[in-house]
Amino acid sequence: ILDMDPAQGLARAAARAGTEHRFESLEVDFHHAVRAGFLHIAREHPARCVVIDASGTVERVQAQVLAAVNERLGLTLGLGPA
């Protein structure tokens, strides 16, 4: 689960010109409720879910996702050359 404060996520979406969709136009309270729902699922099913802090850079989030996949699968995969 890529987790981020809804206000920050909406600001990121707004910064991408021409990408606003119906989902981004919904009230921030809706986004808080959706986030709470996903975090609840993660707490209830820790064997199925990993919560990743998505507020960092693309590279940092990518590294966290790769680390979580490696841990879950018992692998040591790398990203390779960019």
PDB file of N, CA and C in Angstrom:
ATOM      1  N   ILE A   1       0.859  -1.163   0.000  1.00  0.00           N
ATOM      2  CA  ILE A   1       0.000   0.000   0.000  1.00  0.00           C
ATOM      3  C   ILE A   1       0.901   1.219   0.000  1.00  0.00           C
ATOM      4  N   LEU A   2       0.814   2.037  -1.035  1.00  0.00           N
ATOM      5  CA  LEU A   2       1.577   3.281  -1.100  1.00  0.00           C
ATOM      6  C   LEU A   2       0.802   4.331  -0.321  1.00  0.00           C
ATOM      7  N   ASP A   3       1.357   4.747   0.818  1.00  0.00           N
ATOM      8  CA  ASP A   3       0.659   5.636   1.739  1.00  0.00           C
ATOM      9  C   ASP A   3       1.231   7.047   1.692  1.00  0.00           C
ATOM     10  N   MET A   4       0.323   8.007   1.684  1.00  0.00           N
ATOM     11  CA  MET A   4       0.713   9.413   1.677  1.00  0.00           C
ATOM     12  C   MET A   4      -0.448  10.226   2.224  1.00  0.00           C
ATOM     13  N   ASP A   5      -0.129  11.320   2.907  1.00  0.00           N
ATOM     14  CA  ASP A   5      -1.173  12.221   3.355  1.00  0.00           C
ATOM     15  C   ASP A   5      -1.994  12.664   2.145  1.00  0.00           C
ATOM     16  N   PRO A   6      -3.308  12.571   2.221  1.00  0.00           N
ATOM     17  CA  PRO A   6      -4.144  12.927   1.072  1.00  0.00           C
ATOM     18  C   PRO A   6      -3.905  14.337   0.535  1.00  0.00           C
ATOM     19  N   ALA A   7      -3.676  15.302   1.393  1.00  0.00           N
ATOM     20  CA  ALA A   7      -3.434  16.667   0.905  1.00  0.00           C
ATOM     21  C   ALA A   7      -2.172  16.719   0.058  1.00  0.00           C
ATOM     22  N   GLN A   8      -1.135  16.004   0.488  1.00  0.00           N
ATOM     23  CA  GLN A   8       0.107  15.970  -0.288  1.00  0.00           C
ATOM     24  C   GLN A   8      -0.108  15.253  -1.622  1.00  0.00           C
ATOM     25  N   GLY A   9      -0.845  14.168  -1.592  1.00  0.00           N
ATOM     26  CA  GLY A   9      -1.123  13.439  -2.830  1.00  0.00           C
ATOM     27  C   GLY A   9      -1.926  14.264  -3.817  1.00  0.00           C
ATOM     28  N   LEU A  10      -2.921  14.987  -3.306  1.00  0.00           N
ATOM     29  CA  LEU A  10      -3.721  15.836  -4.183  1.00  0.00           C
ATOM     30  C   LEU A  10      -2.886  16.983  -4.747  1.00  0.00           C
ATOM     31  N   ALA A  11      -1.969  17.520  -3.939  1.00  0.00           N
ATOM     32  CA  ALA A  11      -1.084  18.581  -4.429  1.00  0.00           C
ATOM     33  C   ALA A  11      -0.179  18.050  -5.534  1.00  0.00           C
ATOM     34  N   ARG A  12       0.330  16.843  -5.358  1.00  0.00           N
ATOM     35  CA  ARG A  12       1.159  16.236  -6.408  1.00  0.00           C
ATOM     36  C   ARG A  12       0.360  16.052  -7.692  1.00  0.00           C
ATOM     37  N   ALA A  13      -0.856  15.573  -7.543  1.00  0.00           N
ATOM     38  CA  ALA A  13      -1.704  15.353  -8.721  1.00  0.00           C
ATOM     39  C   ALA A  13      -1.997  16.673  -9.420  1.00  0.00           C
ATOM     40  N   ALA A  14      -2.252  17.719  -8.645  1.00  0.00           N
ATOM     41  CA  ALA A  14      -2.550  19.030  -9.232  1.00  0.00           C
ATOM     42  C   ALA A  14      -1.347  19.602  -9.961  1.00  0.00           C
ATOM     43  N   ALA A  15      -0.144  19.242  -9.517  1.00  0.00           N
ATOM     44  CA  ALA A  15       1.074  19.754 -10.148  1.00  0.00           C
ATOM     45  C   ALA A  15       1.317  19.128 -11.519  1.00  0.00           C
ATOM     46  N   ARG A  16       0.688  17.999 -11.780  1.00  0.00           N
ATOM     47  CA  ARG A  16       0.828  17.347 -13.094  1.00  0.00           C
ATOM     48  C   ARG A  16      -0.235  17.923 -14.015  1.00  0.00           C
ATOM     49  N   ALA A  17       0.149  18.832 -14.847  1.00  0.00           N
ATOM     50  CA  ALA A  17      -0.795  19.534 -15.730  1.00  0.00           C
ATOM     51  C   ALA A  17      -1.568  18.552 -16.594  1.00  0.00           C
ATOM     52  N   GLY A  18      -2.877  18.787 -16.650  1.00  0.00           N
ATOM     53  CA  GLY A  18      -3.722  18.003 -17.538  1.00  0.00           C
ATOM     54  C   GLY A  18      -4.017  16.597 -17.066  1.00  0.00           C
ATOM     55  N   THR A  19      -3.761  16.285 -15.795  1.00  0.00           N
ATOM     56  CA  THR A  19      -3.989  14.916 -15.335  1.00  0.00           C
ATOM     57  C   THR A  19      -5.116  14.799 -14.329  1.00  0.00           C
ATOM     58  N   GLU A  20      -5.837  15.892 -14.046  1.00  0.00           N
ATOM     59  CA  GLU A  20      -6.907  15.798 -13.054  1.00  0.00           C
ATOM     60  C   GLU A  20      -8.063  14.968 -13.607  1.00  0.00           C
ATOM     61  N   HIS A  21      -8.500  14.068 -12.779  1.00  0.00           N
ATOM     62  CA  HIS A  21      -9.613  13.193 -13.122  1.00  0.00           C
ATOM     63  C   HIS A  21     -10.677  13.319 -12.043  1.00  0.00           C
ATOM     64  N   ARG A  22     -11.756  12.634 -12.208  1.00  0.00           N
ATOM     65  CA  ARG A  22     -12.862  12.691 -11.256  1.00  0.00           C
ATOM     66  C   ARG A  22     -12.410  12.362  -9.840  1.00  0.00           C
ATOM     67  N   PHE A  23     -11.539  11.380  -9.685  1.00  0.00           N
ATOM     68  CA  PHE A  23     -11.077  10.959  -8.374  1.00  0.00           C
ATOM     69  C   PHE A  23     -10.387  12.109  -7.634  1.00  0.00           C
ATOM     70  N   GLU A  24      -9.549  12.856  -8.326  1.00  0.00           N
ATOM     71  CA  GLU A  24      -8.841  13.972  -7.704  1.00  0.00           C
ATOM     72  C   GLU A  24      -9.778  15.127  -7.354  1.00  0.00           C
ATOM     73  N   SER A  25     -10.918  15.199  -7.999  1.00  0.00           N
ATOM     74  CA  SER A  25     -11.839  16.301  -7.739  1.00  0.00           C
ATOM     75  C   SER A  25     -12.736  16.051  -6.522  1.00  0.00           C
ATOM     76  N   LEU A  26     -12.676  14.861  -5.947  1.00  0.00           N
ATOM     77  CA  LEU A  26     -13.481  14.555  -4.765  1.00  0.00           C
ATOM     78  C   LEU A  26     -12.920  15.267  -3.538  1.00  0.00           C
ATOM     79  N   GLU A  27     -13.773  15.496  -2.545  1.00  0.00           N
ATOM     80  CA  GLU A  27     -13.378  16.201  -1.325  1.00  0.00           C
ATOM     81  C   GLU A  27     -12.248  15.469  -0.606  1.00  0.00           C
ATOM     82  N   VAL A  28     -11.409  16.234   0.088  1.00  0.00           N
ATOM     83  CA  VAL A  28     -10.271  15.651   0.797  1.00  0.00           C
ATOM     84  C   VAL A  28     -10.737  14.684   1.883  1.00  0.00           C
ATOM     85  N   ASP A  29     -11.917  14.909   2.452  1.00  0.00           N
ATOM     86  CA  ASP A  29     -12.440  13.977   3.459  1.00  0.00           C
ATOM     87  C   ASP A  29     -12.632  12.579   2.875  1.00  0.00           C
ATOM     88  N   PHE A  30     -13.045  12.509   1.617  1.00  0.00           N
ATOM     89  CA  PHE A  30     -13.177  11.217   0.943  1.00  0.00           C
ATOM     90  C   PHE A  30     -11.819  10.522   0.901  1.00  0.00           C
ATOM     91  N   HIS A  31     -10.779  11.254   0.535  1.00  0.00           N
ATOM     92  CA  HIS A  31      -9.438  10.682   0.426  1.00  0.00           C
ATOM     93  C   HIS A  31      -8.913  10.230   1.789  1.00  0.00           C
ATOM     94  N   HIS A  32      -9.234  10.981   2.848  1.00  0.00           N
ATOM     95  CA  HIS A  32      -8.851  10.562   4.196  1.00  0.00           C
ATOM     96  C   HIS A  32      -9.543   9.245   4.562  1.00  0.00           C
ATOM     97  N   ALA A  33     -10.811   9.108   4.200  1.00  0.00           N
ATOM     98  CA  ALA A  33     -11.556   7.883   4.498  1.00  0.00           C
ATOM     99  C   ALA A  33     -10.985   6.691   3.728  1.00  0.00           C
ATOM    100  N   VAL A  34     -10.634   6.899   2.464  1.00  0.00           N
ATOM    101  CA  VAL A  34     -10.044   5.829   1.660  1.00  0.00           C
ATOM    102  C   VAL A  34      -8.703   5.415   2.264  1.00  0.00           C
ATOM    103  N   ARG A  35      -7.891   6.392   2.640  1.00  0.00           N
ATOM    104  CA  ARG A  35      -6.595   6.089   3.256  1.00  0.00           C
ATOM    105  C   ARG A  35      -6.800   5.284   4.536  1.00  0.00           C
ATOM    106  N   ALA A  36      -7.726   5.721   5.382  1.00  0.00           N
ATOM    107  CA  ALA A  36      -8.000   5.014   6.636  1.00  0.00           C
ATOM    108  C   ALA A  36      -8.425   3.576   6.358  1.00  0.00           C
ATOM    109  N   GLY A  37      -9.224   3.384   5.323  1.00  0.00           N
ATOM    110  CA  GLY A  37      -9.665   2.042   4.958  1.00  0.00           C
ATOM    111  C   GLY A  37      -8.506   1.146   4.555  1.00  0.00           C
ATOM    112  N   PHE A  38      -7.613   1.663   3.729  1.00  0.00           N
ATOM    113  CA  PHE A  38      -6.458   0.871   3.312  1.00  0.00           C
ATOM    114  C   PHE A  38      -5.525   0.582   4.485  1.00  0.00           C
ATOM    115  N   LEU A  39      -5.316   1.555   5.375  1.00  0.00           N
ATOM    116  CA  LEU A  39      -4.457   1.320   6.530  1.00  0.00           C
ATOM    117  C   LEU A  39      -5.093   0.303   7.486  1.00  0.00           C
ATOM    118  N   HIS A  40      -6.407   0.318   7.572  1.00  0.00           N
ATOM    119  CA  HIS A  40      -7.104  -0.691   8.379  1.00  0.00           C
ATOM    120  C   HIS A  40      -6.874  -2.086   7.791  1.00  0.00           C
ATOM    121  N   ILE A  41      -7.004  -2.202   6.489  1.00  0.00           N
ATOM    122  CA  ILE A  41      -6.748  -3.487   5.824  1.00  0.00           C
ATOM    123  C   ILE A  41      -5.320  -3.949   6.113  1.00  0.00           C
ATOM    124  N   ALA A  42      -4.357  -3.046   6.041  1.00  0.00           N
ATOM    125  CA  ALA A  42      -2.962  -3.398   6.290  1.00  0.00           C
ATOM    126  C   ALA A  42      -2.769  -3.896   7.721  1.00  0.00           C
ATOM    127  N   ARG A  43      -3.434  -3.256   8.686  1.00  0.00           N
ATOM    128  CA  ARG A  43      -3.323  -3.698  10.085  1.00  0.00           C
ATOM    129  C   ARG A  43      -3.966  -5.070  10.282  1.00  0.00           C
ATOM    130  N   GLU A  44      -5.079  -5.298   9.620  1.00  0.00           N
ATOM    131  CA  GLU A  44      -5.801  -6.552   9.760  1.00  0.00           C
ATOM    132  C   GLU A  44      -5.126  -7.715   9.022  1.00  0.00           C
ATOM    133  N   HIS A  45      -4.352  -7.402   7.999  1.00  0.00           N
ATOM    134  CA  HIS A  45      -3.747  -8.446   7.152  1.00  0.00           C
ATOM    135  C   HIS A  45      -2.254  -8.168   6.915  1.00  0.00           C
ATOM    136  N   PRO A  46      -1.461  -8.178   7.984  1.00  0.00           N
ATOM    137  CA  PRO A  46      -0.039  -7.839   7.823  1.00  0.00           C
ATOM    138  C   PRO A  46       0.736  -8.832   6.953  1.00  0.00           C
ATOM    139  N   ALA A  47       0.256 -10.048   6.820  1.00  0.00           N
ATOM    140  CA  ALA A  47       0.936 -11.014   5.959  1.00  0.00           C
ATOM    141  C   ALA A  47       0.688 -10.714   4.480  1.00  0.00           C
ATOM    142  N   ARG A  48      -0.381  -9.970   4.195  1.00  0.00           N
ATOM    143  CA  ARG A  48      -0.738  -9.641   2.806  1.00  0.00           C
ATOM    144  C   ARG A  48      -0.285  -8.262   2.386  1.00  0.00           C
ATOM    145  N   CYS A  49      -0.142  -7.345   3.350  1.00  0.00           N
ATOM    146  CA  CYS A  49       0.059  -5.934   3.008  1.00  0.00           C
ATOM    147  C   CYS A  49       1.343  -5.384   3.603  1.00  0.00           C
ATOM    148  N   VAL A  50       1.978  -4.534   2.855  1.00  0.00           N
ATOM    149  CA  VAL A  50       3.118  -3.749   3.323  1.00  0.00           C
ATOM    150  C   VAL A  50       2.763  -2.289   3.065  1.00  0.00           C
ATOM    151  N   VAL A  51       2.918  -1.469   4.082  1.00  0.00           N
ATOM    152  CA  VAL A  51       2.652  -0.040   3.931  1.00  0.00           C
ATOM    153  C   VAL A  51       3.974   0.646   3.612  1.00  0.00           C
ATOM    154  N   ILE A  52       4.008   1.340   2.492  1.00  0.00           N
ATOM    155  CA  ILE A  52       5.196   2.054   2.018  1.00  0.00           C
ATOM    156  C   ILE A  52       4.909   3.541   2.100  1.00  0.00           C
ATOM    157  N   ASP A  53       5.836   4.285   2.698  1.00  0.00           N
ATOM    158  CA  ASP A  53       5.712   5.746   2.761  1.00  0.00           C
ATOM    159  C   ASP A  53       5.969   6.304   1.360  1.00  0.00           C
ATOM    160  N   ALA A  54       4.928   6.804   0.727  1.00  0.00           N
ATOM    161  CA  ALA A  54       5.031   7.295  -0.650  1.00  0.00           C
ATOM    162  C   ALA A  54       5.290   8.794  -0.724  1.00  0.00           C
ATOM    163  N   SER A  55       5.614   9.410   0.405  1.00  0.00           N
ATOM    164  CA  SER A  55       5.822  10.860   0.395  1.00  0.00           C
ATOM    165  C   SER A  55       7.221  11.258  -0.059  1.00  0.00           C
ATOM    166  N   GLY A  56       8.105  10.298  -0.213  1.00  0.00           N
ATOM    167  CA  GLY A  56       9.470  10.606  -0.632  1.00  0.00           C
ATOM    168  C   GLY A  56       9.603  10.729  -2.139  1.00  0.00           C
ATOM    169  N   THR A  57      10.842  10.758  -2.573  1.00  0.00           N
ATOM    170  CA  THR A  57      11.123  10.843  -4.005  1.00  0.00           C
ATOM    171  C   THR A  57      10.744   9.533  -4.693  1.00  0.00           C
ATOM    172  N   VAL A  58      10.639   9.589  -5.996  1.00  0.00           N
ATOM    173  CA  VAL A  58      10.340   8.387  -6.772  1.00  0.00           C
ATOM    174  C   VAL A  58      11.389   7.317  -6.482  1.00  0.00           C
ATOM    175  N   GLU A  59      12.642   7.722  -6.422  1.00  0.00           N
ATOM    176  CA  GLU A  59      13.727   6.763  -6.189  1.00  0.00           C
ATOM    177  C   GLU A  59      13.611   6.112  -4.808  1.00  0.00           C
ATOM    178  N   ARG A  60      13.268   6.906  -3.803  1.00  0.00           N
ATOM    179  CA  ARG A  60      13.138   6.369  -2.441  1.00  0.00           C
ATOM    180  C   ARG A  60      11.959   5.398  -2.357  1.00  0.00           C
ATOM    181  N   VAL A  61      10.837   5.765  -2.944  1.00  0.00           N
ATOM    182  CA  VAL A  61       9.661   4.886  -2.924  1.00  0.00           C
ATOM    183  C   VAL A  61       9.975   3.603  -3.683  1.00  0.00           C
ATOM    184  N   GLN A  62      10.626   3.735  -4.815  1.00  0.00           N
ATOM    185  CA  GLN A  62      10.988   2.564  -5.611  1.00  0.00           C
ATOM    186  C   GLN A  62      11.888   1.629  -4.803  1.00  0.00           C
ATOM    187  N   ALA A  63      12.846   2.176  -4.076  1.00  0.00           N
ATOM    188  CA  ALA A  63      13.747   1.369  -3.257  1.00  0.00           C
ATOM    189  C   ALA A  63      12.980   0.657  -2.145  1.00  0.00           C
ATOM    190  N   GLN A  64      12.012   1.345  -1.541  1.00  0.00           N
ATOM    191  CA  GLN A  64      11.213   0.728  -0.481  1.00  0.00           C
ATOM    192  C   GLN A  64      10.350  -0.409  -1.025  1.00  0.00           C
ATOM    193  N   VAL A  65       9.776  -0.211  -2.199  1.00  0.00           N
ATOM    194  CA  VAL A  65       8.965  -1.261  -2.815  1.00  0.00           C
ATOM    195  C   VAL A  65       9.836  -2.474  -3.124  1.00  0.00           C
ATOM    196  N   LEU A  66      10.999  -2.240  -3.702  1.00  0.00           N
ATOM    197  CA  LEU A  66      11.902  -3.340  -4.034  1.00  0.00           C
ATOM    198  C   LEU A  66      12.336  -4.081  -2.773  1.00  0.00           C
ATOM    199  N   ALA A  67      12.650  -3.341  -1.708  1.00  0.00           N
ATOM    200  CA  ALA A  67      13.045  -3.981  -0.450  1.00  0.00           C
ATOM    201  C   ALA A  67      11.914  -4.843   0.105  1.00  0.00           C
ATOM    202  N   ALA A  68      10.675  -4.347   0.032  1.00  0.00           N
ATOM    203  CA  ALA A  68       9.526  -5.110   0.527  1.00  0.00           C
ATOM    204  C   ALA A  68       9.314  -6.378  -0.292  1.00  0.00           C
ATOM    205  N   VAL A  69       9.443  -6.268  -1.607  1.00  0.00           N
ATOM    206  CA  VAL A  69       9.292  -7.437  -2.479  1.00  0.00           C
ATOM    207  C   VAL A  69      10.395  -8.443  -2.175  1.00  0.00           C
ATOM    208  N   ASN A  70      11.619  -7.961  -2.064  1.00  0.00           N
ATOM    209  CA  ASN A  70      12.744  -8.854  -1.756  1.00  0.00           C
ATOM    210  C   ASN A  70      12.512  -9.576  -0.433  1.00  0.00           C
ATOM    211  N   GLU A  71      12.066  -8.835   0.572  1.00  0.00           N
ATOM    212  CA  GLU A  71      11.830  -9.439   1.882  1.00  0.00           C
ATOM    213  C   GLU A  71      10.721 -10.486   1.820  1.00  0.00           C
ATOM    214  N   ARG A  72       9.626 -10.152   1.174  1.00  0.00           N
ATOM    215  CA  ARG A  72       8.487 -11.076   1.094  1.00  0.00           C
ATOM    216  C   ARG A  72       8.822 -12.341   0.300  1.00  0.00           C
ATOM    217  N   LEU A  73       9.645 -12.183  -0.735  1.00  0.00           N
ATOM    218  CA  LEU A  73       9.948 -13.323  -1.595  1.00  0.00           C
ATOM    219  C   LEU A  73      11.272 -13.997  -1.249  1.00  0.00           C
ATOM    220  N   GLY A  74      12.015 -13.403  -0.290  1.00  0.00           N
ATOM    221  CA  GLY A  74      13.302 -13.972   0.085  1.00  0.00           C
ATOM    222  C   GLY A  74      14.325 -13.858  -1.025  1.00  0.00           C
ATOM    223  N   LEU A  75      14.261 -12.767  -1.762  1.00  0.00           N
ATOM    224  CA  LEU A  75      15.164 -12.551  -2.898  1.00  0.00           C
ATOM    225  C   LEU A  75      16.070 -11.356  -2.635  1.00  0.00           C
ATOM    226  N   THR A  76      17.032 -11.182  -3.512  1.00  0.00           N
ATOM    227  CA  THR A  76      17.847  -9.977  -3.496  1.00  0.00           C
ATOM    228  C   THR A  76      17.915  -9.430  -4.914  1.00  0.00           C
ATOM    229  N   LEU A  77      16.804  -8.898  -5.348  1.00  0.00           N
ATOM    230  CA  LEU A  77      16.715  -8.302  -6.681  1.00  0.00           C
ATOM    231  C   LEU A  77      17.223  -6.886  -6.634  1.00  0.00           C
ATOM    232  N   GLY A  78      17.867  -6.447  -7.691  1.00  0.00           N
ATOM    233  CA  GLY A  78      18.316  -5.067  -7.801  1.00  0.00           C
ATOM    234  C   GLY A  78      17.555  -4.370  -8.909  1.00  0.00           C
ATOM    235  N   LEU A  79      17.727  -3.071  -8.950  1.00  0.00           N
ATOM    236  CA  LEU A  79      17.053  -2.286  -9.968  1.00  0.00           C
ATOM    237  C   LEU A  79      17.807  -2.288 -11.284  1.00  0.00           C
ATOM    238  N   GLY A  80      19.098  -2.497 -11.234  1.00  0.00           N
ATOM    239  CA  GLY A  80      19.886  -2.448 -12.450  1.00  0.00           C
ATOM    240  C   GLY A  80      20.136  -1.017 -12.875  1.00  0.00           C
ATOM    241  N   PRO A  81      20.827  -0.832 -13.975  1.00  0.00           N
ATOM    242  CA  PRO A  81      21.136   0.526 -14.451  1.00  0.00           C
ATOM    243  C   PRO A  81      19.887   1.286 -14.824  1.00  0.00           C
ATOM    244  N   ALA A  82      19.876   2.537 -14.482  1.00  0.00           N
ATOM    245  CA  ALA A  82      18.707   3.386 -14.811  1.00  0.00           C
ATOM    246  C   ALA A  82      18.849   3.992 -16.169  1.00  0.00           C
TER     247      ALA A  82
END
